[in-house]
PDB file of N, CA and C in Angstrom:
ATOM      1  N   UNK A   1       0.850  -1.139   0.004  1.00  0.00           N
ATOM      2  CA  UNK A   1       0.019  -0.018  -0.010  1.00  0.00           C
ATOM      3  C   UNK A   1       0.934   1.246   0.022  1.00  0.00           C
ATOM      4  N   UNK A   2       0.552   2.190  -0.802  1.00  0.00           N
ATOM      5  CA  UNK A   2       1.248   3.422  -0.890  1.00  0.00           C
ATOM      6  C   UNK A   2       0.813   4.356   0.315  1.00  0.00           C
ATOM      7  N   UNK A   3       1.786   4.894   1.002  1.00  0.00           N
ATOM      8  CA  UNK A   3       1.494   5.817   2.087  1.00  0.00           C
ATOM      9  C   UNK A   3       0.820   7.053   1.619  1.00  0.00           C
ATOM     10  N   UNK A   4       1.049   7.499   0.372  1.00  0.00           N
ATOM     11  CA  UNK A   4       0.488   8.738  -0.095  1.00  0.00           C
ATOM     12  C   UNK A   4      -1.014   8.584  -0.442  1.00  0.00           C
ATOM     13  N   UNK A   5      -1.446   7.324  -0.740  1.00  0.00           N
ATOM     14  CA  UNK A   5      -2.866   7.161  -1.083  1.00  0.00           C
ATOM     15  C   UNK A   5      -3.714   6.842   0.110  1.00  0.00           C
ATOM     16  N   UNK A   6      -3.140   6.882   1.271  1.00  0.00           N
ATOM     17  CA  UNK A   6      -3.880   6.468   2.542  1.00  0.00           C
ATOM     18  C   UNK A   6      -4.565   7.739   3.076  1.00  0.00           C
ATOM     19  N   UNK A   7      -5.868   7.527   3.317  1.00  0.00           N
ATOM     20  CA  UNK A   7      -6.671   8.604   3.901  1.00  0.00           C
ATOM     21  C   UNK A   7      -6.479   8.618   5.368  1.00  0.00           C
ATOM     22  N   UNK A   8      -6.353   9.783   5.963  1.00  0.00           N
ATOM     23  CA  UNK A   8      -6.097   9.973   7.507  1.00  0.00           C
ATOM     24  C   UNK A   8      -7.238   9.313   8.183  1.00  0.00           C
ATOM     25  N   UNK A   9      -6.960   8.648   9.190  1.00  0.00           N
ATOM     26  CA  UNK A   9      -7.910   7.986  10.014  1.00  0.00           C
ATOM     27  C   UNK A   9      -7.800   8.385  11.444  1.00  0.00           C
ATOM     28  N   UNK A  10      -8.910   8.620  12.156  1.00  0.00           N
ATOM     29  CA  UNK A  10      -8.849   9.000  13.537  1.00  0.00           C
ATOM     30  C   UNK A  10      -8.794   7.697  14.387  1.00  0.00           C
ATOM     31  N   UNK A  11      -7.943   7.735  15.426  1.00  0.00           N
ATOM     32  CA  UNK A  11      -7.952   6.605  16.350  1.00  0.00           C
ATOM     33  C   UNK A  11      -8.045   7.170  17.797  1.00  0.00           C
ATOM     34  N   UNK A  12      -8.507   6.396  18.619  1.00  0.00           N
ATOM     35  CA  UNK A  12      -8.654   6.781  20.071  1.00  0.00           C
ATOM     36  C   UNK A  12      -7.618   6.054  20.866  1.00  0.00           C
ATOM     37  N   UNK A  13      -6.933   6.745  21.755  1.00  0.00           N
ATOM     38  CA  UNK A  13      -5.955   6.139  22.603  1.00  0.00           C
ATOM     39  C   UNK A  13      -6.297   6.417  24.039  1.00  0.00           C
ATOM     40  N   UNK A  14      -6.467   5.282  24.756  1.00  0.00           N
ATOM     41  CA  UNK A  14      -6.714   5.365  26.220  1.00  0.00           C
ATOM     42  C   UNK A  14      -5.432   5.604  26.939  1.00  0.00           C
ATOM     43  N   UNK A  15      -5.284   6.565  27.608  1.00  0.00           N
ATOM     44  CA  UNK A  15      -4.061   6.834  28.323  1.00  0.00           C
ATOM     45  C   UNK A  15      -4.105   6.550  29.806  1.00  0.00           C
ATOM     46  N   UNK A  16      -2.963   6.349  30.377  1.00  0.00           N
ATOM     47  CA  UNK A  16      -2.868   6.237  31.803  1.00  0.00           C
ATOM     48  C   UNK A  16      -1.869   7.270  32.354  1.00  0.00           C
ATOM     49  N   UNK A  17      -1.587   7.212  33.596  1.00  0.00           N
ATOM     50  CA  UNK A  17      -0.604   8.177  34.098  1.00  0.00           C
ATOM     51  C   UNK A  17       0.736   8.157  33.372  1.00  0.00           C
ATOM     52  N   UNK A  18       1.305   6.934  33.152  1.00  0.00           N
ATOM     53  CA  UNK A  18       2.626   6.866  32.495  1.00  0.00           C
ATOM     54  C   UNK A  18       2.510   7.412  31.051  1.00  0.00           C
ATOM     55  N   UNK A  19       1.382   7.119  30.345  1.00  0.00           N
ATOM     56  CA  UNK A  19       1.285   7.613  28.925  1.00  0.00           C
ATOM     57  C   UNK A  19       1.162   9.081  28.975  1.00  0.00           C
ATOM     58  N   UNK A  20       0.369   9.623  29.911  1.00  0.00           N
ATOM     59  CA  UNK A  20       0.207  11.116  30.013  1.00  0.00           C
ATOM     60  C   UNK A  20       1.578  11.766  30.239  1.00  0.00           C
ATOM     61  N   UNK A  21       2.336  11.183  31.079  1.00  0.00           N
ATOM     62  CA  UNK A  21       3.667  11.771  31.446  1.00  0.00           C
ATOM     63  C   UNK A  21       4.565  11.726  30.134  1.00  0.00           C
ATOM     64  N   UNK A  22       4.506  10.526  29.392  1.00  0.00           N
ATOM     65  CA  UNK A  22       5.256  10.471  28.193  1.00  0.00           C
ATOM     66  C   UNK A  22       4.803  11.502  27.111  1.00  0.00           C
ATOM     67  N   UNK A  23       3.535  11.749  27.028  1.00  0.00           N
ATOM     68  CA  UNK A  23       2.946  12.710  26.129  1.00  0.00           C
ATOM     69  C   UNK A  23       3.442  14.071  26.566  1.00  0.00           C
ATOM     70  N   UNK A  24       3.384  14.380  27.816  1.00  0.00           N
ATOM     71  CA  UNK A  24       3.960  15.686  28.334  1.00  0.00           C
ATOM     72  C   UNK A  24       5.388  15.893  27.929  1.00  0.00           C
ATOM     73  N   UNK A  25       6.180  14.896  27.989  1.00  0.00           N
ATOM     74  CA  UNK A  25       7.582  14.964  27.581  1.00  0.00           C
ATOM     75  C   UNK A  25       7.696  15.234  26.074  1.00  0.00           C
ATOM     76  N   UNK A  26       6.914  14.482  25.293  1.00  0.00           N
ATOM     77  CA  UNK A  26       6.949  14.553  23.832  1.00  0.00           C
ATOM     78  C   UNK A  26       6.399  15.792  23.292  1.00  0.00           C
ATOM     79  N   UNK A  27       5.537  16.443  24.040  1.00  0.00           N
ATOM     80  CA  UNK A  27       4.936  17.735  23.565  1.00  0.00           C
ATOM     81  C   UNK A  27       5.513  18.952  24.195  1.00  0.00           C
ATOM     82  N   UNK A  28       6.559  18.771  25.064  1.00  0.00           N
ATOM     83  CA  UNK A  28       7.135  19.846  25.766  1.00  0.00           C
ATOM     84  C   UNK A  28       7.520  21.046  24.909  1.00  0.00           C
ATOM     85  N   UNK A  29       8.075  20.826  23.697  1.00  0.00           N
ATOM     86  CA  UNK A  29       8.513  21.906  22.875  1.00  0.00           C
ATOM     87  C   UNK A  29       7.388  22.512  21.993  1.00  0.00           C
ATOM     88  N   UNK A  30       6.159  22.135  22.301  1.00  0.00           N
ATOM     89  CA  UNK A  30       5.092  22.721  21.455  1.00  0.00           C
ATOM     90  C   UNK A  30       4.555  21.843  20.451  1.00  0.00           C
ATOM     91  N   UNK A  31       5.007  20.607  20.337  1.00  0.00           N
ATOM     92  CA  UNK A  31       4.576  19.634  19.381  1.00  0.00           C
ATOM     93  C   UNK A  31       3.099  19.218  19.792  1.00  0.00           C
ATOM     94  N   UNK A  32       2.202  19.106  18.841  1.00  0.00           N
ATOM     95  CA  UNK A  32       0.873  18.670  19.216  1.00  0.00           C
ATOM     96  C   UNK A  32       0.819  17.226  19.652  1.00  0.00           C
ATOM     97  N   UNK A  33      -0.133  16.843  20.415  1.00  0.00           N
ATOM     98  CA  UNK A  33      -0.259  15.493  20.918  1.00  0.00           C
ATOM     99  C   UNK A  33      -0.357  14.544  19.692  1.00  0.00           C
ATOM    100  N   UNK A  34      -1.166  14.941  18.717  1.00  0.00           N
ATOM    101  CA  UNK A  34      -1.352  14.090  17.475  1.00  0.00           C
ATOM    102  C   UNK A  34      -0.023  13.848  16.795  1.00  0.00           C
ATOM    103  N   UNK A  35       0.767  14.907  16.622  1.00  0.00           N
ATOM    104  CA  UNK A  35       2.049  14.815  15.866  1.00  0.00           C
ATOM    105  C   UNK A  35       3.000  13.989  16.715  1.00  0.00           C
ATOM    106  N   UNK A  36       2.980  14.096  18.029  1.00  0.00           N
ATOM    107  CA  UNK A  36       3.819  13.360  18.906  1.00  0.00           C
ATOM    108  C   UNK A  36       3.589  11.891  18.895  1.00  0.00           C
ATOM    109  N   UNK A  37       2.278  11.582  18.913  1.00  0.00           N
ATOM    110  CA  UNK A  37       1.852  10.200  18.826  1.00  0.00           C
ATOM    111  C   UNK A  37       2.206   9.609  17.434  1.00  0.00           C
ATOM    112  N   UNK A  38       1.952  10.309  16.391  1.00  0.00           N
ATOM    113  CA  UNK A  38       2.327   9.842  14.991  1.00  0.00           C
ATOM    114  C   UNK A  38       3.815   9.529  14.979  1.00  0.00           C
ATOM    115  N   UNK A  39       4.693  10.474  15.437  1.00  0.00           N
ATOM    116  CA  UNK A  39       6.105  10.296  15.472  1.00  0.00           C
ATOM    117  C   UNK A  39       6.568   9.121  16.255  1.00  0.00           C
ATOM    118  N   UNK A  40       5.954   8.927  17.429  1.00  0.00           N
ATOM    119  CA  UNK A  40       6.304   7.796  18.279  1.00  0.00           C
ATOM    120  C   UNK A  40       5.915   6.515  17.638  1.00  0.00           C
ATOM    121  N   UNK A  41       4.827   6.406  16.999  1.00  0.00           N
ATOM    122  CA  UNK A  41       4.411   5.201  16.279  1.00  0.00           C
ATOM    123  C   UNK A  41       5.412   4.865  15.160  1.00  0.00           C
ATOM    124  N   UNK A  42       5.739   5.896  14.410  1.00  0.00           N
ATOM    125  CA  UNK A  42       6.712   5.656  13.202  1.00  0.00           C
ATOM    126  C   UNK A  42       8.088   5.224  13.756  1.00  0.00           C
ATOM    127  N   UNK A  43       8.490   5.813  14.895  1.00  0.00           N
ATOM    128  CA  UNK A  43       9.799   5.441  15.413  1.00  0.00           C
ATOM    129  C   UNK A  43       9.805   4.079  15.990  1.00  0.00           C
ATOM    130  N   UNK A  44       8.716   3.614  16.670  1.00  0.00           N
ATOM    131  CA  UNK A  44       8.563   2.280  17.188  1.00  0.00           C
ATOM    132  C   UNK A  44       8.546   1.302  16.078  1.00  0.00           C
ATOM    133  N   UNK A  45       7.884   1.577  14.988  1.00  0.00           N
ATOM    134  CA  UNK A  45       7.818   0.650  13.902  1.00  0.00           C
ATOM    135  C   UNK A  45       9.215   0.537  13.217  1.00  0.00           C
ATOM    136  N   UNK A  46       9.896   1.579  13.122  1.00  0.00           N
ATOM    137  CA  UNK A  46      11.267   1.565  12.456  1.00  0.00           C
ATOM    138  C   UNK A  46      12.195   0.792  13.366  1.00  0.00           C
ATOM    139  N   UNK A  47      12.128   0.911  14.699  1.00  0.00           N
ATOM    140  CA  UNK A  47      12.954   0.098  15.614  1.00  0.00           C
ATOM    141  C   UNK A  47      12.574  -1.406  15.424  1.00  0.00           C
ATOM    142  N   UNK A  48      11.335  -1.675  15.336  1.00  0.00           N
ATOM    143  CA  UNK A  48      10.924  -3.166  15.345  1.00  0.00           C
ATOM    144  C   UNK A  48      11.408  -3.721  13.972  1.00  0.00           C
ATOM    145  N   UNK A  49      11.314  -2.969  12.882  1.00  0.00           N
ATOM    146  CA  UNK A  49      11.792  -3.415  11.552  1.00  0.00           C
ATOM    147  C   UNK A  49      13.338  -3.624  11.564  1.00  0.00           C
ATOM    148  N   UNK A  50      14.003  -2.670  12.193  1.00  0.00           N
ATOM    149  CA  UNK A  50      15.504  -2.891  12.333  1.00  0.00           C
ATOM    150  C   UNK A  50      15.859  -4.088  13.161  1.00  0.00           C
ATOM    151  N   UNK A  51      15.133  -4.298  14.231  1.00  0.00           N
ATOM    152  CA  UNK A  51      15.452  -5.460  15.058  1.00  0.00           C
ATOM    153  C   UNK A  51      15.123  -6.789  14.292  1.00  0.00           C
ATOM    154  N   UNK A  52      14.163  -6.839  13.533  1.00  0.00           N
ATOM    155  CA  UNK A  52      13.756  -7.980  12.690  1.00  0.00           C
ATOM    156  C   UNK A  52      14.817  -8.241  11.655  1.00  0.00           C
ATOM    157  N   UNK A  53      15.367  -7.174  11.016  1.00  0.00           N
ATOM    158  CA  UNK A  53      16.410  -7.237  10.055  1.00  0.00           C
ATOM    159  C   UNK A  53      17.655  -7.766  10.643  1.00  0.00           C
ATOM    160  N   UNK A  54      17.933  -7.346  11.903  1.00  0.00           N
ATOM    161  CA  UNK A  54      19.175  -7.775  12.553  1.00  0.00           C
ATOM    162  C   UNK A  54      19.033  -9.295  12.932  1.00  0.00           C
ATOM    163  N   UNK A  55      17.854  -9.669  13.355  1.00  0.00           N
ATOM    164  CA  UNK A  55      17.658 -11.072  13.667  1.00  0.00           C
ATOM    165  C   UNK A  55      17.865 -11.987  12.482  1.00  0.00           C
ATOM    166  N   UNK A  56      17.248 -11.535  11.328  1.00  0.00           N
ATOM    167  CA  UNK A  56      17.390 -12.218  10.096  1.00  0.00           C
ATOM    168  C   UNK A  56      18.890 -12.305   9.701  1.00  0.00           C
ATOM    169  N   UNK A  57      19.604 -11.242   9.826  1.00  0.00           N
ATOM    170  CA  UNK A  57      21.014 -11.199   9.465  1.00  0.00           C
ATOM    171  C   UNK A  57      21.791 -12.217  10.307  1.00  0.00           C
ATOM    172  N   UNK A  58      21.469 -12.288  11.607  1.00  0.00           N
ATOM    173  CA  UNK A  58      22.189 -13.255  12.396  1.00  0.00           C
ATOM    174  C   UNK A  58      21.870 -14.626  12.037  1.00  0.00           C
ATOM    175  N   UNK A  59      20.600 -14.917  11.669  1.00  0.00           N
ATOM    176  CA  UNK A  59      20.233 -16.277  11.259  1.00  0.00           C
ATOM    177  C   UNK A  59      20.850 -16.632   9.997  1.00  0.00           C
ATOM    178  N   UNK A  60      21.186 -15.681   9.088  1.00  0.00           N
ATOM    179  CA  UNK A  60      21.815 -15.970   7.866  1.00  0.00           C
ATOM    180  C   UNK A  60      23.351 -16.129   7.908  1.00  0.00           C
ATOM    181  N   UNK A  61      23.930 -15.799   9.071  1.00  0.00           N
ATOM    182  CA  UNK A  61      25.355 -15.818   9.239  1.00  0.00           C
ATOM    183  C   UNK A  61      25.844 -17.243   9.153  1.00  0.00           C
ATOM    184  N   UNK A  62      26.975 -17.483   8.443  1.00  0.00           N
ATOM    185  CA  UNK A  62      27.525 -18.793   8.338  1.00  0.00           C
ATOM    186  C   UNK A  62      28.022 -19.235   9.697  1.00  0.00           C
ATOM    187  N   UNK A  63      27.736 -20.500  10.045  1.00  0.00           N
ATOM    188  CA  UNK A  63      28.200 -20.967  11.408  1.00  0.00           C
ATOM    189  C   UNK A  63      29.570 -21.645  11.284  1.00  0.00           C
ATOM    190  N   UNK A  64      30.153 -21.829  10.160  1.00  0.00           N
ATOM    191  CA  UNK A  64      31.422 -22.438  10.080  1.00  0.00           C
ATOM    192  C   UNK A  64      31.300 -23.976  10.058  1.00  0.00           C
ATOM    193  N   UNK A  65      32.420 -24.659  10.099  1.00  0.00           N
ATOM    194  CA  UNK A  65      32.431 -26.051  10.082  1.00  0.00           C
ATOM    195  C   UNK A  65      32.175 -26.606  11.472  1.00  0.00           C
ATOM    196  N   UNK A  66      31.413 -27.743  11.524  1.00  0.00           N
ATOM    197  CA  UNK A  66      31.142 -28.313  12.840  1.00  0.00           C
ATOM    198  C   UNK A  66      32.481 -28.880  13.343  1.00  0.00           C
ATOM    199  N   UNK A  67      32.601 -28.790  14.710  1.00  0.00           N
ATOM    200  CA  UNK A  67      33.920 -29.180  15.359  1.00  0.00           C
ATOM    201  C   UNK A  67      33.913 -30.651  15.812  1.00  0.00           C
ATOM    202  N   UNK A  68      32.803 -31.390  15.479  1.00  0.00           N
ATOM    203  CA  UNK A  68      32.789 -32.805  15.790  1.00  0.00           C
ATOM    204  C   UNK A  68      32.257 -33.031  17.210  1.00  0.00           C
ATOM    205  N   UNK A  69      31.921 -32.060  17.984  1.00  0.00           N
ATOM    206  CA  UNK A  69      31.452 -32.300  19.347  1.00  0.00           C
ATOM    207  C   UNK A  69      29.896 -32.306  19.274  1.00  0.00           C
ATOM    208  N   UNK A  70      29.353 -33.433  19.926  1.00  0.00           N
ATOM    209  CA  UNK A  70      27.908 -33.496  19.996  1.00  0.00           C
ATOM    210  C   UNK A  70      27.521 -33.025  21.388  1.00  0.00           C
ATOM    211  N   UNK A  71      26.937 -31.889  21.427  1.00  0.00           N
ATOM    212  CA  UNK A  71      26.661 -31.198  22.681  1.00  0.00           C
ATOM    213  C   UNK A  71      25.700 -32.045  23.567  1.00  0.00           C
ATOM    214  N   UNK A  72      24.764 -32.696  22.936  1.00  0.00           N
ATOM    215  CA  UNK A  72      23.801 -33.555  23.615  1.00  0.00           C
ATOM    216  C   UNK A  72      24.516 -34.664  24.367  1.00  0.00           C
ATOM    217  N   UNK A  73      25.454 -35.304  23.701  1.00  0.00           N
ATOM    218  CA  UNK A  73      26.237 -36.345  24.378  1.00  0.00           C
ATOM    219  C   UNK A  73      27.126 -35.867  25.464  1.00  0.00           C
ATOM    220  N   UNK A  74      27.671 -34.667  25.284  1.00  0.00           N
ATOM    221  CA  UNK A  74      28.547 -34.059  26.252  1.00  0.00           C
ATOM    222  C   UNK A  74      27.761 -33.723  27.542  1.00  0.00           C
ATOM    223  N   UNK A  75      26.547 -33.158  27.408  1.00  0.00           N
ATOM    224  CA  UNK A  75      25.645 -32.814  28.548  1.00  0.00           C
ATOM    225  C   UNK A  75      25.231 -34.079  29.259  1.00  0.00           C
ATOM    226  N   UNK A  76      24.858 -35.104  28.441  1.00  0.00           N
ATOM    227  CA  UNK A  76      24.425 -36.377  29.045  1.00  0.00           C
ATOM    228  C   UNK A  76      25.535 -37.001  29.884  1.00  0.00           C
ATOM    229  N   UNK A  77      26.751 -36.977  29.347  1.00  0.00           N
ATOM    230  CA  UNK A  77      27.920 -37.592  30.005  1.00  0.00           C
ATOM    231  C   UNK A  77      28.222 -36.787  31.315  1.00  0.00           C
ATOM    232  N   UNK A  78      28.123 -35.423  31.243  1.00  0.00           N
ATOM    233  CA  UNK A  78      28.434 -34.664  32.416  1.00  0.00           C
ATOM    234  C   UNK A  78      27.369 -34.803  33.494  1.00  0.00           C
ATOM    235  N   UNK A  79      26.090 -34.984  33.098  1.00  0.00           N
ATOM    236  CA  UNK A  79      25.015 -35.225  34.072  1.00  0.00           C
ATOM    237  C   UNK A  79      25.161 -36.613  34.742  1.00  0.00           C
ATOM    238  N   UNK A  80      25.698 -37.556  33.955  1.00  0.00           N
ATOM    239  CA  UNK A  80      25.849 -38.877  34.607  1.00  0.00           C
ATOM    240  C   UNK A  80      26.910 -38.910  35.645  1.00  0.00           C
ATOM    241  N   UNK A  81      27.939 -38.024  35.462  1.00  0.00           N
ATOM    242  CA  UNK A  81      28.996 -37.859  36.488  1.00  0.00           C
ATOM    243  C   UNK A  81      28.483 -37.221  37.649  1.00  0.00           C
ATOM    244  N   UNK A  82      27.466 -36.308  37.574  1.00  0.00           N
ATOM    245  CA  UNK A  82      26.933 -35.672  38.737  1.00  0.00           C
ATOM    246  C   UNK A  82      26.162 -36.549  39.685  1.00  0.00           C
ATOM    247  N   UNK A  83      25.672 -37.653  39.095  1.00  0.00           N
ATOM    248  CA  UNK A  83      24.837 -38.586  39.948  1.00  0.00           C
ATOM    249  C   UNK A  83      25.694 -39.388  40.898  1.00  0.00           C
TER     250      UNK A  83
END
């Protein structure tokens, strides 16, 4: 979906004490509540997308050659010694 073709939609946000404080901080310089909320949503979405990209990059990283150690066997062996 193109962001330019999206019609503005009104949403309702139920606030609590912590949210009101956050809005006070975000609007301190004269920014409207609406603009502050819009910016906060955009920034939160960008952070989430960056985090997802980073997770995917880590999952695509080559792990190298196996070293021949079977971790399950090693754990089982060490637990048997503990008994």
